[in-house]
Amino acid sequence: MKELVEVIAKALVDNPDEVTVTETEKDGGILLELRVAQGDMGKVIGKQGRIARAIRSVLKAASTREDKKVSLDIVE
């Protein structure tokens, strides 16, 4: 899951070297925290959160295949 979010985020931003994803076990599921450069924050979130929502949808589909609960936080 971590690699999936990382690949998607790096494709969207101008500074792919500053993309980091941390994975934490939480409440019987997995919490992924995505950090990007300050200037790239808008590119990851998108207008009205559409890109962030799309990333979460892809992540949910992938996590369903592996029978895991995964959530994504985009952190400044």
C-alpha atoms as a PDB file:
ATOM      1  CA  MET A   1       0.000   0.000   0.000  1.00  0.00           C
ATOM      2  CA  LYS A   2       2.795   2.385   0.930  1.00  0.00           C
ATOM      3  CA  GLU A   3       4.471   1.931  -2.440  1.00  0.00           C
ATOM      4  CA  LEU A   4       1.201   2.506  -4.299  1.00  0.00           C
ATOM      5  CA  VAL A   5       0.612   5.887  -2.636  1.00  0.00           C
ATOM      6  CA  GLU A   6       4.249   6.820  -3.154  1.00  0.00           C
ATOM      7  CA  VAL A   7       4.149   6.094  -6.898  1.00  0.00           C
ATOM      8  CA  ILE A   8       0.905   8.022  -7.390  1.00  0.00           C
ATOM      9  CA  ALA A   9       2.122  11.040  -5.386  1.00  0.00           C
ATOM     10  CA  LYS A  10       5.496  11.182  -7.147  1.00  0.00           C
ATOM     11  CA  ALA A  11       3.728  11.241 -10.514  1.00  0.00           C
ATOM     12  CA  LEU A  12       1.656  14.255  -9.451  1.00  0.00           C
ATOM     13  CA  VAL A  13       4.216  16.576  -7.846  1.00  0.00           C
ATOM     14  CA  ASP A  14       7.066  18.770  -9.109  1.00  0.00           C
ATOM     15  CA  ASN A  15       9.468  17.631  -6.353  1.00  0.00           C
ATOM     16  CA  PRO A  16       9.228  13.823  -6.241  1.00  0.00           C
ATOM     17  CA  ASP A  17      12.310  13.613  -3.993  1.00  0.00           C
ATOM     18  CA  GLU A  18      10.364  15.256  -1.158  1.00  0.00           C
ATOM     19  CA  VAL A  19       7.515  12.719  -1.165  1.00  0.00           C
ATOM     20  CA  THR A  20       7.507  10.516   1.933  1.00  0.00           C
ATOM     21  CA  VAL A  21       4.941   7.981   3.059  1.00  0.00           C
ATOM     22  CA  THR A  22       4.952   6.551   6.583  1.00  0.00           C
ATOM     23  CA  GLU A  23       2.988   3.440   7.483  1.00  0.00           C
ATOM     24  CA  THR A  24       1.609   2.902  11.003  1.00  0.00           C
ATOM     25  CA  GLU A  25      -0.533   0.115  12.483  1.00  0.00           C
ATOM     26  CA  LYS A  26      -3.566   1.716  14.121  1.00  0.00           C
ATOM     27  CA  ASP A  27      -6.902   0.387  15.418  1.00  0.00           C
ATOM     28  CA  GLY A  28      -6.633  -2.923  13.579  1.00  0.00           C
ATOM     29  CA  GLY A  29      -5.836  -1.177  10.310  1.00  0.00           C
ATOM     30  CA  ILE A  30      -3.052   0.683   8.579  1.00  0.00           C
ATOM     31  CA  LEU A  31      -2.614   4.462   8.610  1.00  0.00           C
ATOM     32  CA  LEU A  32      -0.588   5.962   5.771  1.00  0.00           C
ATOM     33  CA  GLU A  33       0.698   9.528   6.168  1.00  0.00           C
ATOM     34  CA  LEU A  34       1.685  11.317   2.966  1.00  0.00           C
ATOM     35  CA  ARG A  35       4.055  14.272   3.157  1.00  0.00           C
ATOM     36  CA  VAL A  36       4.956  16.423   0.138  1.00  0.00           C
ATOM     37  CA  ALA A  37       6.692  19.764  -0.393  1.00  0.00           C
ATOM     38  CA  GLN A  38       4.634  22.802   0.604  1.00  0.00           C
ATOM     39  CA  GLY A  39       4.339  23.956  -3.028  1.00  0.00           C
ATOM     40  CA  ASP A  40       3.057  20.548  -4.134  1.00  0.00           C
ATOM     41  CA  MET A  41       0.293  20.278  -1.534  1.00  0.00           C
ATOM     42  CA  GLY A  42      -2.342  21.652  -3.913  1.00  0.00           C
ATOM     43  CA  LYS A  43      -1.391  19.166  -6.606  1.00  0.00           C
ATOM     44  CA  VAL A  44      -1.929  16.223  -4.284  1.00  0.00           C
ATOM     45  CA  ILE A  45      -5.207  17.538  -2.858  1.00  0.00           C
ATOM     46  CA  GLY A  46      -6.667  18.997  -6.083  1.00  0.00           C
ATOM     47  CA  LYS A  47      -9.645  21.275  -6.554  1.00  0.00           C
ATOM     48  CA  GLN A  48     -12.238  20.574  -3.872  1.00  0.00           C
ATOM     49  CA  GLY A  49     -10.188  17.531  -2.792  1.00  0.00           C
ATOM     50  CA  ARG A  50     -10.886  15.563  -5.954  1.00  0.00           C
ATOM     51  CA  ILE A  51      -7.375  14.157  -6.410  1.00  0.00           C
ATOM     52  CA  ALA A  52      -7.094  13.223  -2.728  1.00  0.00           C
ATOM     53  CA  ARG A  53     -10.470  11.489  -2.970  1.00  0.00           C
ATOM     54  CA  ALA A  54      -9.334   9.613  -6.095  1.00  0.00           C
ATOM     55  CA  ILE A  55      -6.128   8.456  -4.372  1.00  0.00           C
ATOM     56  CA  ARG A  56      -8.189   7.219  -1.419  1.00  0.00           C
ATOM     57  CA  SER A  57     -10.546   5.359  -3.789  1.00  0.00           C
ATOM     58  CA  VAL A  58      -7.660   3.555  -5.475  1.00  0.00           C
ATOM     59  CA  LEU A  59      -6.190   2.766  -2.068  1.00  0.00           C
ATOM     60  CA  LYS A  60      -9.521   1.411  -0.837  1.00  0.00           C
ATOM     61  CA  ALA A  61      -9.840  -0.855  -3.872  1.00  0.00           C
ATOM     62  CA  ALA A  62      -6.312  -2.184  -3.368  1.00  0.00           C
ATOM     63  CA  SER A  63      -6.854  -2.708   0.367  1.00  0.00           C
ATOM     64  CA  THR A  64     -10.108  -4.592  -0.269  1.00  0.00           C
ATOM     65  CA  ARG A  65      -8.209  -7.074  -2.425  1.00  0.00           C
ATOM     66  CA  GLU A  66      -5.825  -7.726   0.479  1.00  0.00           C
ATOM     67  CA  ASP A  67      -8.621  -7.688   3.071  1.00  0.00           C
ATOM     68  CA  LYS A  68      -7.101  -4.828   5.092  1.00  0.00           C
ATOM     69  CA  LYS A  69      -8.440  -1.504   6.326  1.00  0.00           C
ATOM     70  CA  VAL A  70      -6.233   1.342   5.130  1.00  0.00           C
ATOM     71  CA  SER A  71      -6.656   5.085   5.634  1.00  0.00           C
ATOM     72  CA  LEU A  72      -4.658   7.966   4.146  1.00  0.00           C
ATOM     73  CA  ASP A  73      -3.777  11.266   5.809  1.00  0.00           C
ATOM     74  CA  ILE A  74      -2.141  14.056   3.842  1.00  0.00           C
ATOM     75  CA  VAL A  75       0.078  15.914   6.314  1.00  0.00           C
ATOM     76  CA  GLU A  76       1.701  19.341   5.947  1.00  0.00           C
END
